[in-house]
Amino acid sequence: MRLEPEILFEDNEFFKALKKRYEIGNQTIFLTTGQTNSGKTVFNVILYYLIKKGILKEKIDLEKCKMFYSIVDFAKDITQMENEIIFYDEAGTELDIGEWNSIFNKTMRHILQTQRVKRNFYFVLLPHIRHISYVLLPLFSFHIVMETHTHLNKKTDKMEIIRIANIYKIIPQQTFSATRDYQDIKLLLRMKVPDIRKIENKDFQGLYEKFHQIELQKKRDIAKKIEETTKAYLMKEKTTELKIKRMWEQEKQKWDKLKNVK
């Protein structure tokens, strides 16, 4: 199969809406959630590709296509980003309870509230929507929920996985009551995620391969950081244990001296 941006942005209501948002000067923020191996990265790279060619009318330049794994990485250059696509994967790694208010929530809120005129496209990928602050959610444009289904291929007698992207539009509400939330969420489209191996566009395959390699390296870096953090924790525990043991021995020696005096 081939990805046809020109046709999609003319015939598909969801893609037509994306194009209209851009033309009237709005930024667009996608929040994609789903379990491991549900197709979050694959589907978002497809959207990235379609927007790049169908809205921005740009060729795929692998040197300029960036994937971020820290909000600080792109936030420090946010003033220079205009008509750009910001791809922020593994966002959940920054949602540590101790850093929530100081890094992700505060920075993301300021970006989404103040950078509308830049007309950027933001892709934020998370394991679950619960990681997003209730205050931050109305600032997103769309919530994409990935789901997986399995079925038996009778020809090959093998189980196959079908991945579905459910695309919801987030509509902020300015009033609130016990029966009404701060945002309405409306289902716009359900899309089957194509098999990445069957997409014929060579520039897409190059784009996906680049993102895939960055993703693998970043995940190795994350795993290494987890190992280092765990080792540091264990070392701290061991040090504390040795301190307690040393204090106990010192107190025991004092007690033995007192007994000998008697």
Protein backbone atom coordinates (compact mmCIF):
# COMPACT_ATOMS: atom_id res chain seq x y z
CA MET A 1 0.00 0.00 0.00
CA ARG A 2 1.00 3.63 -0.48
CA LEU A 3 0.38 6.58 1.82
CA GLU A 4 -1.34 9.31 -0.22
CA PRO A 5 -1.32 12.60 1.77
CA GLU A 6 -2.92 14.65 -1.00
CA ILE A 7 -5.94 12.36 -1.25
CA LEU A 8 -6.38 12.00 2.53
CA PHE A 9 -6.38 15.74 3.18
CA GLU A 10 -9.10 16.21 0.58
CA ASP A 11 -11.40 13.26 1.31
CA ASN A 12 -11.02 12.40 5.02
CA GLU A 13 -12.90 14.59 7.53
CA PHE A 14 -10.28 14.18 10.25
CA PHE A 15 -7.39 15.15 7.99
CA LYS A 16 -9.41 18.01 6.50
CA ALA A 17 -9.93 19.30 10.05
CA LEU A 18 -6.15 19.16 10.70
CA LYS A 19 -5.49 21.14 7.54
CA LYS A 20 -8.12 23.74 8.48
CA ARG A 21 -6.62 24.17 11.96
CA TYR A 22 -3.26 24.90 10.40
CA GLU A 23 -4.66 27.31 7.80
CA ILE A 24 -6.46 29.43 10.42
CA GLY A 25 -3.30 29.64 12.53
CA ASN A 26 -3.84 27.05 15.27
CA GLN A 27 -1.31 24.65 16.73
CA THR A 28 -2.33 21.00 17.09
CA ILE A 29 -1.45 18.73 20.00
CA PHE A 30 -1.95 14.97 19.81
CA LEU A 31 -1.98 12.87 22.97
CA THR A 32 -1.57 9.17 22.17
CA THR A 33 -2.01 6.52 24.84
CA GLY A 34 -1.97 2.75 24.77
CA GLN A 35 -0.30 -0.30 26.23
CA THR A 36 3.11 -1.59 25.14
CA ASN A 37 3.18 -2.82 21.53
CA SER A 38 -0.18 -1.24 20.74
CA GLY A 39 1.28 0.72 17.81
CA LYS A 40 1.62 4.20 19.35
CA THR A 41 4.93 5.04 17.70
CA VAL A 42 4.03 3.48 14.34
CA PHE A 43 0.73 5.34 14.05
CA ASN A 44 2.23 8.64 15.11
CA VAL A 45 5.10 8.34 12.65
CA ILE A 46 2.45 7.78 9.95
CA LEU A 47 0.64 10.95 11.08
CA TYR A 48 3.96 12.78 11.21
CA TYR A 49 4.68 11.76 7.62
CA LEU A 50 1.22 12.68 6.34
CA ILE A 51 1.27 16.12 8.00
CA LYS A 52 4.80 16.82 6.78
CA LYS A 53 3.86 16.14 3.18
CA GLY A 54 0.14 16.91 3.13
CA ILE A 55 0.02 20.15 5.18
CA LEU A 56 3.54 21.55 5.44
CA LYS A 57 4.26 20.46 1.84
CA GLU A 58 7.81 19.49 2.74
CA LYS A 59 10.04 16.65 1.66
CA ILE A 60 11.20 14.21 4.31
CA ASP A 61 14.63 15.45 5.41
CA LEU A 62 16.02 12.92 7.88
CA GLU A 63 18.47 15.49 9.26
CA LYS A 64 15.63 17.82 10.30
CA CYS A 65 13.15 15.22 11.61
CA LYS A 66 13.63 15.04 15.36
CA MET A 67 12.31 12.77 18.08
CA PHE A 68 12.54 14.03 21.68
CA TYR A 69 12.58 12.07 24.93
CA SER A 70 12.66 15.01 27.31
CA ILE A 71 10.50 18.10 27.46
CA VAL A 72 13.64 20.09 28.23
CA ASP A 73 15.17 19.01 24.89
CA PHE A 74 12.62 20.87 22.81
CA ALA A 75 11.44 23.45 25.37
CA LYS A 76 14.87 25.11 25.44
CA ASP A 77 14.56 25.86 21.70
CA ILE A 78 10.80 26.49 21.57
CA THR A 79 11.17 30.11 20.41
CA GLN A 80 12.95 28.89 17.26
CA MET A 81 10.28 26.32 16.37
CA GLU A 82 7.61 27.43 13.94
CA ASN A 83 5.60 25.27 11.54
CA GLU A 84 7.46 22.32 13.04
CA ILE A 85 6.54 18.82 14.16
CA ILE A 86 7.64 18.01 17.71
CA PHE A 87 7.62 14.26 18.39
CA TYR A 88 7.82 13.56 22.13
CA ASP A 89 7.97 9.82 22.83
CA GLU A 90 8.37 8.01 26.17
CA ALA A 91 6.94 11.08 27.91
CA GLY A 92 6.01 8.91 30.87
CA THR A 93 9.64 8.72 31.96
CA GLU A 94 9.45 12.36 33.09
CA LEU A 95 6.20 11.97 34.97
CA ASP A 96 7.88 11.12 38.24
CA ILE A 97 5.72 12.17 41.17
CA GLY A 98 8.60 14.23 42.56
CA GLU A 99 9.06 16.17 39.31
CA TRP A 100 5.46 16.51 38.15
CA ASN A 101 4.84 20.15 39.06
CA SER A 102 8.36 21.41 38.44
CA ILE A 103 9.10 20.01 34.98
CA PHE A 104 6.50 18.36 32.76
CA ASN A 105 3.23 19.87 33.90
CA LYS A 106 4.42 23.47 34.26
CA THR A 107 6.53 23.56 31.08
CA MET A 108 3.97 21.79 28.90
CA ARG A 109 1.18 24.05 30.14
CA HIS A 110 3.14 27.18 29.26
CA ILE A 111 4.03 25.84 25.80
CA LEU A 112 0.48 24.83 24.91
CA GLN A 113 -1.02 28.06 26.25
CA THR A 114 1.41 30.57 24.74
CA GLN A 115 2.75 29.10 21.48
CA ARG A 116 -0.46 28.89 19.41
CA VAL A 117 0.75 31.35 16.77
CA LYS A 118 3.76 29.13 16.02
CA ARG A 119 1.41 26.61 14.33
CA ASN A 120 3.48 23.66 15.51
CA PHE A 121 2.28 20.06 15.69
CA TYR A 122 3.02 18.25 18.95
CA PHE A 123 2.94 14.48 19.38
CA VAL A 124 2.99 13.34 23.02
CA LEU A 125 3.05 9.56 23.62
CA LEU A 126 2.18 8.07 27.00
CA PRO A 127 1.23 4.64 28.40
CA HIS A 128 -2.03 5.95 29.90
CA ILE A 129 -4.06 9.16 30.09
CA ARG A 130 -3.88 9.09 33.90
CA HIS A 131 -0.31 10.43 33.57
CA ILE A 132 -1.67 13.73 32.25
CA SER A 133 -2.79 16.39 34.70
CA TYR A 134 -6.54 17.06 34.73
CA VAL A 135 -5.70 20.74 34.32
CA LEU A 136 -3.48 20.08 31.29
CA LEU A 137 -5.84 17.78 29.36
CA PRO A 138 -8.16 20.50 27.90
CA LEU A 139 -5.12 22.07 26.20
CA PHE A 140 -4.71 19.02 23.93
CA SER A 141 -6.48 18.95 20.56
CA PHE A 142 -6.90 15.21 20.04
CA HIS A 143 -6.62 12.08 22.14
CA ILE A 144 -5.64 8.95 20.22
CA VAL A 145 -6.34 5.69 22.03
CA MET A 146 -4.58 2.63 20.63
CA GLU A 147 -6.14 -0.81 20.99
CA THR A 148 -5.12 -4.27 19.81
CA HIS A 149 -7.15 -7.28 18.70
CA THR A 150 -6.01 -10.76 17.75
CA HIS A 151 -7.51 -13.12 15.23
CA LEU A 152 -6.59 -16.43 13.65
CA ASN A 153 -5.49 -16.28 10.02
CA LYS A 154 -7.09 -19.42 8.60
CA LYS A 155 -4.74 -19.45 5.61
CA THR A 156 -1.54 -19.45 7.66
CA ASP A 157 -3.04 -20.89 10.86
CA LYS A 158 -1.24 -18.14 12.81
CA MET A 159 -2.49 -15.54 15.23
CA GLU A 160 -2.34 -11.99 13.87
CA ILE A 161 -2.55 -8.67 15.71
CA ILE A 162 -4.82 -5.90 14.45
CA ARG A 163 -4.06 -2.43 15.81
CA ILE A 164 -6.77 0.23 15.87
CA ALA A 165 -6.35 3.97 16.47
CA ASN A 166 -9.41 5.62 18.02
CA ILE A 167 -9.18 9.37 17.42
CA TYR A 168 -11.10 11.62 19.82
CA LYS A 169 -11.46 15.38 19.59
CA ILE A 170 -11.03 17.20 22.91
CA ILE A 171 -13.47 20.11 23.19
CA PRO A 172 -12.66 22.44 26.14
CA GLN A 173 -15.62 23.67 28.18
CA GLN A 174 -15.54 27.05 29.91
CA THR A 175 -18.19 26.17 32.48
CA PHE A 176 -18.23 23.34 35.00
CA SER A 177 -20.86 21.61 37.10
CA ALA A 178 -21.37 18.33 38.91
CA THR A 179 -22.73 16.83 35.68
CA ARG A 180 -20.33 18.49 33.23
CA ASP A 181 -16.58 18.10 32.93
CA TYR A 182 -13.94 20.63 31.87
CA GLN A 183 -13.85 19.04 28.42
CA ASP A 184 -16.04 16.99 26.10
CA ILE A 185 -14.46 14.14 24.19
CA LYS A 186 -15.96 13.19 20.84
CA LEU A 187 -14.99 10.13 18.79
CA LEU A 188 -14.11 11.25 15.25
CA LEU A 189 -12.56 8.26 13.60
CA ARG A 190 -11.40 4.65 14.04
CA MET A 191 -8.44 3.74 11.83
CA LYS A 192 -6.75 0.42 11.27
CA VAL A 193 -3.00 0.85 11.57
CA PRO A 194 -1.36 -0.54 8.42
CA ASP A 195 1.39 -3.15 8.55
CA ILE A 196 4.58 -1.11 8.53
CA ARG A 197 6.24 -3.65 6.21
CA LYS A 198 3.60 -3.14 3.53
CA ILE A 199 3.93 0.64 3.19
CA GLU A 200 5.65 1.26 -0.13
CA ASN A 201 6.73 4.92 0.29
CA LYS A 202 10.54 4.83 0.43
CA ASP A 203 10.81 8.18 2.20
CA PHE A 204 8.40 6.93 4.86
CA GLN A 205 10.46 3.80 5.41
CA GLY A 206 13.55 5.98 5.83
CA LEU A 207 11.73 8.17 8.33
CA TYR A 208 10.43 5.22 10.33
CA GLU A 209 13.83 3.52 10.37
CA LYS A 210 15.44 6.69 11.74
CA PHE A 211 12.81 7.03 14.47
CA HIS A 212 13.04 3.32 15.25
CA GLN A 213 16.83 3.49 15.74
CA ILE A 214 16.52 6.60 17.93
CA GLU A 215 13.78 4.87 19.91
CA LEU A 216 15.92 1.77 20.51
CA GLN A 217 18.90 3.86 21.63
CA LYS A 218 16.81 6.03 23.93
CA LYS A 219 15.15 3.01 25.49
CA ARG A 220 18.60 1.51 26.13
CA ASP A 221 19.60 4.81 27.74
CA ILE A 222 16.45 4.75 29.90
CA ALA A 223 17.16 1.14 30.94
CA LYS A 224 20.74 2.08 31.81
CA LYS A 225 19.53 5.01 33.89
CA ILE A 226 17.12 2.68 35.74
CA GLU A 227 20.02 0.31 36.45
CA GLU A 228 22.22 3.14 37.72
CA THR A 229 19.42 4.52 39.89
CA THR A 230 18.78 1.04 41.33
CA LYS A 231 22.49 0.49 42.01
CA ALA A 232 22.71 3.88 43.73
CA TYR A 233 19.67 3.00 45.85
CA LEU A 234 21.14 -0.36 46.82
CA MET A 235 24.47 1.28 47.65
CA LYS A 236 22.66 3.81 49.84
CA GLU A 237 20.82 0.97 51.60
CA LYS A 238 24.08 -0.92 52.12
CA THR A 239 25.80 2.19 53.46
CA THR A 240 22.93 2.80 55.90
CA GLU A 241 23.09 -0.82 57.00
CA LEU A 242 26.85 -0.57 57.64
CA LYS A 243 26.39 2.67 59.60
CA ILE A 244 23.76 1.04 61.82
CA LYS A 245 25.99 -2.00 62.33
CA ARG A 246 28.97 0.20 63.22
CA MET A 247 26.88 2.24 65.68
CA TRP A 248 25.60 -0.96 67.28
CA GLU A 249 29.16 -2.29 67.70
CA GLN A 250 30.29 1.01 69.24
CA GLU A 251 27.41 0.97 71.71
CA LYS A 252 28.15 -2.67 72.52
CA GLN A 253 31.79 -1.83 73.24
CA LYS A 254 30.70 0.97 75.58
CA TRP A 255 28.35 -1.39 77.36
CA ASP A 256 31.09 -4.03 77.73
CA LYS A 257 33.44 -1.43 79.25
CA LEU A 258 30.76 -0.43 81.77
CA LYS A 259 30.31 -4.06 82.77
CA ASN A 260 34.05 -4.51 83.26
CA VAL A 261 34.21 -1.43 85.52
CA LYS A 262 31.72 -3.02 87.87
